[in-house]
Amino acid sequence: MVIDYKISPTEFNTKKDFIINLYQSKGYEQINDSLILFLGFFLNKSFSARGNHIDFTLEKVLTNNNKGHYSYIESCFDLKNLIPFANVYDNYYTLLINEDNSVYAEGFELLFYGSDPFEALENLLQGTPLETFKL
């Protein structure tokens, strides 16, 4: 897969405004700069890798994921400000980023994929979570 990282400042700012407004409409106030940068490249894109579908269509991700949806996971694992941003593994898991930019996949368990969205995507594409937590 080839990713074109060329994006005009105008296009990026348009996407940034869209991302911030959509998250705020769902109750999310603080959106990570690294998440905005990442979604600037991947917003509304989807692809399959190693038989797993990864979907960055934010409207779908946020359909049932208003702020507070992940409060149980935040309290159990001492995580703060979890924000969903993708569906993976054919919608069995939701990718989440926390306030320190770490990325997790939440589903049957909580999988840690990396310390930022770009590292997490690389590990996802390889099918390699860095750590697994039982829910």
Foldseek 3Di string as FASTA:
>chain_A
DDFDPDDDPVLLVVQLVVVQVVLVVLPQHDDDPLVSSVCSRCEQHWDDAPRKIKGQPACVQSVPPGPPPCVVVCVVPVFARWDWGIAMRPNQWTWTATPQQWIWTDHQWIFTQDRHPVSSVVCVNVVHTPDIGGD
